[in-house]
Amino acid sequence: MKSKNTVINTIELIEQLATRSNLQSTSAQTSTIELADIDAELKESLLSQDIKTLEYQLNLVGRIRCTSIHPGEAEEQEQEQEQEQEQEQEQEAQNIKKLLFNFSSNHLKPSPAISKARLFLK
């Protein structure tokens, strides 16, 4: 059984690997694990992602509720795409406004549809 400090250090390391954005690549995770102040056996279990052995080494068998962490990459990409779409829609609306106002400023009589669109976009 590992000391309490070893268990705490290992759990903190796992938390860092899961939450720090600069540690999401495999090479960054490997370097961080290799430099960590934990036993070689624990490093090997982390590097090989051997959850069962890690549980046993830390005396956590049956006490771990989550065994995998998935980065929020997809969610972040989805938010970025939504923001881009909103910006594109806003730009399209601005372009339509410019077109309508340029059209009316040229002293041409706009069609009823353009008049309704102008009122809608104000």
N, C-alpha and C. Protein backbone atom coordinates (compact mmCIF):
# COMPACT_ATOMS: atom_id res chain seq x y z
N MET A 1 0.85 -1.18 0.00
CA MET A 1 0.00 0.00 0.00
C MET A 1 0.89 1.25 0.00
N LYS A 2 0.53 2.21 -0.80
CA LYS A 2 1.29 3.45 -0.95
C LYS A 2 0.96 4.41 0.19
N SER A 3 1.88 5.34 0.44
CA SER A 3 1.64 6.33 1.49
C SER A 3 0.53 7.28 1.06
N LYS A 4 -0.01 7.99 2.03
CA LYS A 4 -1.09 8.94 1.76
C LYS A 4 -0.62 10.04 0.81
N ASN A 5 0.62 10.51 0.99
CA ASN A 5 1.16 11.55 0.11
C ASN A 5 1.29 11.05 -1.32
N THR A 6 1.69 9.80 -1.49
CA THR A 6 1.82 9.23 -2.83
C THR A 6 0.46 9.17 -3.51
N VAL A 7 -0.55 8.76 -2.76
CA VAL A 7 -1.91 8.68 -3.30
C VAL A 7 -2.38 10.08 -3.70
N ILE A 8 -2.17 11.05 -2.81
CA ILE A 8 -2.59 12.43 -3.09
C ILE A 8 -1.85 12.98 -4.30
N ASN A 9 -0.54 12.77 -4.37
CA ASN A 9 0.25 13.26 -5.51
C ASN A 9 -0.23 12.64 -6.82
N THR A 10 -0.54 11.36 -6.78
CA THR A 10 -0.99 10.68 -7.99
C THR A 10 -2.37 11.19 -8.43
N ILE A 11 -3.25 11.37 -7.49
CA ILE A 11 -4.59 11.88 -7.83
C ILE A 11 -4.50 13.30 -8.36
N GLU A 12 -3.66 14.12 -7.75
CA GLU A 12 -3.48 15.49 -8.25
C GLU A 12 -2.90 15.48 -9.66
N LEU A 13 -1.98 14.56 -9.93
CA LEU A 13 -1.41 14.43 -11.27
C LEU A 13 -2.50 14.06 -12.28
N ILE A 14 -3.33 13.10 -11.92
CA ILE A 14 -4.42 12.67 -12.81
C ILE A 14 -5.37 13.84 -13.07
N GLU A 15 -5.65 14.61 -12.03
CA GLU A 15 -6.53 15.77 -12.17
C GLU A 15 -5.91 16.80 -13.13
N GLN A 16 -4.61 17.05 -13.00
CA GLN A 16 -3.93 17.98 -13.90
C GLN A 16 -3.98 17.48 -15.34
N LEU A 17 -3.74 16.20 -15.52
CA LEU A 17 -3.78 15.62 -16.88
C LEU A 17 -5.16 15.79 -17.50
N ALA A 18 -6.18 15.74 -16.68
CA ALA A 18 -7.55 15.82 -17.19
C ALA A 18 -8.02 17.25 -17.42
N THR A 19 -7.46 18.21 -16.68
CA THR A 19 -8.04 19.55 -16.73
C THR A 19 -7.17 20.61 -17.40
N ARG A 20 -5.89 20.42 -17.45
CA ARG A 20 -5.02 21.46 -18.01
C ARG A 20 -4.96 21.32 -19.53
N SER A 21 -5.30 22.38 -20.23
CA SER A 21 -5.37 22.33 -21.69
C SER A 21 -4.01 22.08 -22.33
N ASN A 22 -2.94 22.50 -21.70
CA ASN A 22 -1.61 22.28 -22.28
C ASN A 22 -1.12 20.85 -22.07
N LEU A 23 -1.91 20.02 -21.41
CA LEU A 23 -1.53 18.62 -21.19
C LEU A 23 -2.46 17.65 -21.91
N GLN A 24 -3.08 18.08 -22.99
CA GLN A 24 -4.02 17.22 -23.69
C GLN A 24 -3.36 16.32 -24.74
N SER A 25 -2.16 16.66 -25.17
CA SER A 25 -1.49 15.81 -26.14
C SER A 25 -0.80 14.64 -25.43
N THR A 26 -0.64 13.55 -26.14
CA THR A 26 -0.02 12.36 -25.57
C THR A 26 1.41 12.64 -25.13
N SER A 27 2.16 13.39 -25.93
CA SER A 27 3.55 13.67 -25.57
C SER A 27 3.64 14.53 -24.31
N ALA A 28 2.75 15.50 -24.17
CA ALA A 28 2.74 16.34 -22.97
C ALA A 28 2.37 15.53 -21.74
N GLN A 29 1.40 14.64 -21.89
CA GLN A 29 1.01 13.78 -20.77
C GLN A 29 2.14 12.85 -20.37
N THR A 30 2.80 12.26 -21.36
CA THR A 30 3.91 11.35 -21.09
C THR A 30 5.03 12.08 -20.34
N SER A 31 5.40 13.24 -20.81
CA SER A 31 6.46 14.03 -20.15
C SER A 31 6.08 14.37 -18.72
N THR A 32 4.85 14.79 -18.53
CA THR A 32 4.39 15.18 -17.20
C THR A 32 4.41 13.98 -16.25
N ILE A 33 3.96 12.84 -16.72
CA ILE A 33 3.96 11.64 -15.89
C ILE A 33 5.39 11.24 -15.55
N GLU A 34 6.28 11.26 -16.54
CA GLU A 34 7.67 10.86 -16.31
C GLU A 34 8.37 11.78 -15.32
N LEU A 35 8.01 13.06 -15.29
CA LEU A 35 8.65 14.03 -14.39
C LEU A 35 7.98 14.09 -13.01
N ALA A 36 6.85 13.43 -12.86
CA ALA A 36 6.08 13.51 -11.61
C ALA A 36 6.83 12.85 -10.46
N ASP A 37 6.55 13.35 -9.27
CA ASP A 37 7.16 12.83 -8.05
C ASP A 37 6.31 11.68 -7.50
N ILE A 38 6.26 10.59 -8.27
CA ILE A 38 5.54 9.38 -7.86
C ILE A 38 6.40 8.16 -8.18
N ASP A 39 6.02 7.01 -7.63
CA ASP A 39 6.77 5.77 -7.84
C ASP A 39 6.78 5.36 -9.30
N ALA A 40 7.83 4.65 -9.68
CA ALA A 40 7.96 4.15 -11.05
C ALA A 40 6.80 3.23 -11.43
N GLU A 41 6.33 2.44 -10.46
CA GLU A 41 5.19 1.53 -10.74
C GLU A 41 3.93 2.32 -11.11
N LEU A 42 3.71 3.40 -10.38
CA LEU A 42 2.54 4.24 -10.66
C LEU A 42 2.68 4.92 -12.02
N LYS A 43 3.88 5.38 -12.32
CA LYS A 43 4.13 6.00 -13.63
C LYS A 43 3.81 5.02 -14.74
N GLU A 44 4.26 3.78 -14.57
CA GLU A 44 4.02 2.76 -15.60
C GLU A 44 2.52 2.50 -15.77
N SER A 45 1.80 2.43 -14.67
CA SER A 45 0.35 2.22 -14.74
C SER A 45 -0.35 3.38 -15.44
N LEU A 46 0.08 4.60 -15.14
CA LEU A 46 -0.50 5.77 -15.78
C LEU A 46 -0.17 5.80 -17.27
N LEU A 47 1.08 5.53 -17.61
CA LEU A 47 1.49 5.56 -19.01
C LEU A 47 0.77 4.51 -19.85
N SER A 48 0.53 3.35 -19.24
CA SER A 48 -0.16 2.27 -19.98
C SER A 48 -1.67 2.36 -19.81
N GLN A 49 -2.13 3.34 -19.04
CA GLN A 49 -3.56 3.56 -18.76
C GLN A 49 -4.21 2.30 -18.19
N ASP A 50 -3.48 1.65 -17.28
CA ASP A 50 -3.94 0.43 -16.63
C ASP A 50 -4.69 0.80 -15.35
N ILE A 51 -5.98 1.02 -15.48
CA ILE A 51 -6.82 1.50 -14.38
C ILE A 51 -6.88 0.49 -13.23
N LYS A 52 -7.04 -0.77 -13.55
CA LYS A 52 -7.16 -1.80 -12.51
C LYS A 52 -5.91 -1.86 -11.64
N THR A 53 -4.74 -1.86 -12.27
CA THR A 53 -3.49 -1.90 -11.51
C THR A 53 -3.33 -0.63 -10.69
N LEU A 54 -3.68 0.51 -11.27
CA LEU A 54 -3.58 1.78 -10.56
C LEU A 54 -4.49 1.78 -9.33
N GLU A 55 -5.70 1.27 -9.48
CA GLU A 55 -6.62 1.16 -8.34
C GLU A 55 -5.99 0.33 -7.23
N TYR A 56 -5.43 -0.78 -7.61
CA TYR A 56 -4.81 -1.68 -6.63
C TYR A 56 -3.61 -1.01 -5.96
N GLN A 57 -2.75 -0.38 -6.76
CA GLN A 57 -1.55 0.26 -6.21
C GLN A 57 -1.90 1.38 -5.22
N LEU A 58 -2.97 2.08 -5.47
CA LEU A 58 -3.37 3.19 -4.61
C LEU A 58 -4.38 2.78 -3.54
N ASN A 59 -4.69 1.49 -3.49
CA ASN A 59 -5.66 0.96 -2.55
C ASN A 59 -7.02 1.67 -2.72
N LEU A 60 -7.44 1.79 -3.96
CA LEU A 60 -8.70 2.44 -4.28
C LEU A 60 -9.70 1.51 -4.95
N VAL A 61 -9.46 0.21 -4.85
CA VAL A 61 -10.34 -0.77 -5.51
C VAL A 61 -11.76 -0.58 -5.00
N GLY A 62 -12.69 -0.39 -5.95
CA GLY A 62 -14.10 -0.22 -5.63
C GLY A 62 -14.48 1.19 -5.19
N ARG A 63 -13.52 2.11 -5.13
CA ARG A 63 -13.84 3.46 -4.68
C ARG A 63 -13.75 4.50 -5.80
N ILE A 64 -13.37 4.09 -7.00
CA ILE A 64 -13.28 5.02 -8.12
C ILE A 64 -14.61 5.01 -8.86
N ARG A 65 -15.18 6.16 -9.07
CA ARG A 65 -16.50 6.27 -9.71
C ARG A 65 -16.38 6.61 -11.20
N CYS A 66 -15.29 7.22 -11.60
CA CYS A 66 -15.11 7.61 -12.99
C CYS A 66 -13.76 7.08 -13.47
N THR A 67 -13.77 6.34 -14.57
CA THR A 67 -12.52 5.76 -15.02
C THR A 67 -12.02 6.33 -16.34
N SER A 68 -12.71 7.31 -16.87
CA SER A 68 -12.22 7.93 -18.10
C SER A 68 -12.64 9.39 -18.14
N ILE A 69 -11.76 10.17 -18.71
CA ILE A 69 -12.01 11.59 -18.86
C ILE A 69 -11.95 11.90 -20.34
N HIS A 70 -12.95 12.59 -20.82
CA HIS A 70 -12.97 12.99 -22.22
C HIS A 70 -12.83 14.50 -22.29
N PRO A 71 -11.82 14.97 -22.98
CA PRO A 71 -11.64 16.42 -23.07
C PRO A 71 -12.85 17.10 -23.69
N GLY A 72 -13.08 18.34 -23.34
CA GLY A 72 -14.21 19.11 -23.83
C GLY A 72 -14.00 19.67 -25.21
N GLU A 73 -13.15 19.06 -25.96
CA GLU A 73 -12.81 19.56 -27.29
C GLU A 73 -14.03 19.69 -28.20
N ALA A 74 -14.86 18.67 -28.23
CA ALA A 74 -16.02 18.69 -29.12
C ALA A 74 -16.97 19.83 -28.73
N GLU A 75 -17.15 20.00 -27.42
CA GLU A 75 -18.03 21.06 -26.96
C GLU A 75 -17.46 22.43 -27.32
N GLU A 76 -16.15 22.59 -27.17
CA GLU A 76 -15.52 23.87 -27.51
C GLU A 76 -15.64 24.14 -29.01
N GLN A 77 -15.42 23.11 -29.82
CA GLN A 77 -15.55 23.27 -31.27
C GLN A 77 -16.98 23.64 -31.64
N GLU A 78 -17.93 23.01 -30.98
CA GLU A 78 -19.34 23.29 -31.24
C GLU A 78 -19.66 24.75 -30.92
N GLN A 79 -19.15 25.24 -29.78
CA GLN A 79 -19.38 26.63 -29.40
C GLN A 79 -18.74 27.58 -30.41
N GLU A 80 -17.53 27.25 -30.85
CA GLU A 80 -16.85 28.09 -31.83
C GLU A 80 -17.63 28.14 -33.14
N GLN A 81 -18.16 26.98 -33.57
CA GLN A 81 -18.94 26.92 -34.80
C GLN A 81 -20.21 27.77 -34.66
N GLU A 82 -20.86 27.69 -33.50
CA GLU A 82 -22.07 28.47 -33.27
C GLU A 82 -21.76 29.97 -33.32
N GLN A 83 -20.62 30.36 -32.72
CA GLN A 83 -20.23 31.76 -32.73
C GLN A 83 -19.94 32.22 -34.16
N GLU A 84 -19.25 31.36 -34.92
CA GLU A 84 -18.95 31.71 -36.31
C GLU A 84 -20.23 31.87 -37.12
N GLN A 85 -21.19 30.96 -36.91
CA GLN A 85 -22.46 31.04 -37.62
C GLN A 85 -23.21 32.32 -37.25
N GLU A 86 -23.20 32.66 -35.96
CA GLU A 86 -23.85 33.90 -35.52
C GLU A 86 -23.20 35.11 -36.17
N GLN A 87 -21.87 35.11 -36.23
CA GLN A 87 -21.15 36.22 -36.85
C GLN A 87 -21.47 36.31 -38.34
N GLU A 88 -21.52 35.16 -39.01
CA GLU A 88 -21.86 35.15 -40.43
C GLU A 88 -23.27 35.67 -40.66
N GLN A 89 -24.21 35.25 -39.82
CA GLN A 89 -25.59 35.72 -39.96
C GLN A 89 -25.68 37.22 -39.70
N GLU A 90 -24.95 37.69 -38.70
CA GLU A 90 -24.94 39.12 -38.42
C GLU A 90 -24.35 39.89 -39.60
N GLN A 91 -23.28 39.36 -40.19
CA GLN A 91 -22.66 40.01 -41.34
C GLN A 91 -23.62 40.03 -42.53
N GLU A 92 -24.33 38.93 -42.75
CA GLU A 92 -25.31 38.89 -43.84
C GLU A 92 -26.41 39.93 -43.61
N ALA A 93 -26.87 40.03 -42.37
CA ALA A 93 -27.91 41.02 -42.05
C ALA A 93 -27.39 42.43 -42.30
N GLN A 94 -26.15 42.69 -41.91
CA GLN A 94 -25.56 44.01 -42.13
C GLN A 94 -25.45 44.30 -43.63
N ASN A 95 -25.05 43.29 -44.40
CA ASN A 95 -24.94 43.47 -45.86
C ASN A 95 -26.30 43.77 -46.49
N ILE A 96 -27.34 43.08 -46.01
CA ILE A 96 -28.68 43.32 -46.53
C ILE A 96 -29.13 44.73 -46.17
N LYS A 97 -28.85 45.15 -44.93
CA LYS A 97 -29.20 46.52 -44.52
C LYS A 97 -28.53 47.53 -45.41
N LYS A 98 -27.24 47.34 -45.67
CA LYS A 98 -26.50 48.28 -46.53
C LYS A 98 -27.11 48.33 -47.93
N LEU A 99 -27.42 47.15 -48.45
CA LEU A 99 -28.01 47.07 -49.77
C LEU A 99 -29.34 47.82 -49.82
N LEU A 100 -30.19 47.60 -48.83
CA LEU A 100 -31.49 48.25 -48.79
C LEU A 100 -31.36 49.77 -48.66
N PHE A 101 -30.47 50.22 -47.79
CA PHE A 101 -30.32 51.65 -47.60
C PHE A 101 -29.64 52.31 -48.79
N ASN A 102 -28.70 51.62 -49.41
CA ASN A 102 -28.09 52.16 -50.63
C ASN A 102 -29.12 52.24 -51.75
N PHE A 103 -29.97 51.25 -51.82
CA PHE A 103 -31.00 51.21 -52.84
C PHE A 103 -31.95 52.40 -52.67
N SER A 104 -32.37 52.62 -51.43
CA SER A 104 -33.32 53.71 -51.20
C SER A 104 -32.65 55.08 -51.32
N SER A 105 -31.37 55.17 -51.03
CA SER A 105 -30.69 56.46 -51.12
C SER A 105 -30.40 56.87 -52.56
N ASN A 106 -30.50 55.94 -53.49
CA ASN A 106 -30.30 56.25 -54.91
C ASN A 106 -31.58 56.82 -55.53
N HIS A 107 -32.56 57.15 -54.69
CA HIS A 107 -33.82 57.76 -55.10
C HIS A 107 -34.65 56.86 -56.02
N LEU A 108 -34.43 55.61 -55.89
CA LEU A 108 -35.27 54.67 -56.63
C LEU A 108 -36.41 54.26 -55.71
N LYS A 109 -37.52 54.01 -56.30
CA LYS A 109 -38.66 53.62 -55.49
C LYS A 109 -38.54 52.12 -55.21
N PRO A 110 -38.38 51.76 -53.95
CA PRO A 110 -38.24 50.34 -53.63
C PRO A 110 -39.58 49.60 -53.73
N SER A 111 -39.49 48.35 -53.96
CA SER A 111 -40.70 47.54 -54.04
C SER A 111 -41.28 47.39 -52.63
N PRO A 112 -42.55 46.99 -52.53
CA PRO A 112 -43.15 46.80 -51.20
C PRO A 112 -42.38 45.76 -50.37
N ALA A 113 -41.82 44.75 -51.02
CA ALA A 113 -41.07 43.73 -50.29
C ALA A 113 -39.83 44.33 -49.66
N ILE A 114 -39.14 45.21 -50.36
CA ILE A 114 -37.93 45.86 -49.84
C ILE A 114 -38.32 46.80 -48.72
N SER A 115 -39.42 47.48 -48.84
CA SER A 115 -39.88 48.37 -47.77
C SER A 115 -40.18 47.58 -46.50
N LYS A 116 -40.83 46.43 -46.65
CA LYS A 116 -41.13 45.58 -45.49
C LYS A 116 -39.82 45.06 -44.88
N ALA A 117 -38.89 44.66 -45.71
CA ALA A 117 -37.61 44.15 -45.23
C ALA A 117 -36.87 45.22 -44.47
N ARG A 118 -36.90 46.44 -44.96
CA ARG A 118 -36.20 47.56 -44.31
C ARG A 118 -36.81 47.77 -42.92
N LEU A 119 -38.13 47.74 -42.81
CA LEU A 119 -38.78 47.92 -41.52
C LEU A 119 -38.42 46.78 -40.56
N PHE A 120 -38.33 45.58 -41.08
CA PHE A 120 -38.02 44.41 -40.28
C PHE A 120 -36.59 44.47 -39.75
N LEU A 121 -35.67 44.96 -40.54
CA LEU A 121 -34.26 44.97 -40.18
C LEU A 121 -33.87 46.14 -39.29
N LYS A 122 -34.73 47.11 -39.14
CA LYS A 122 -34.38 48.27 -38.29
C LYS A 122 -34.34 47.89 -36.85
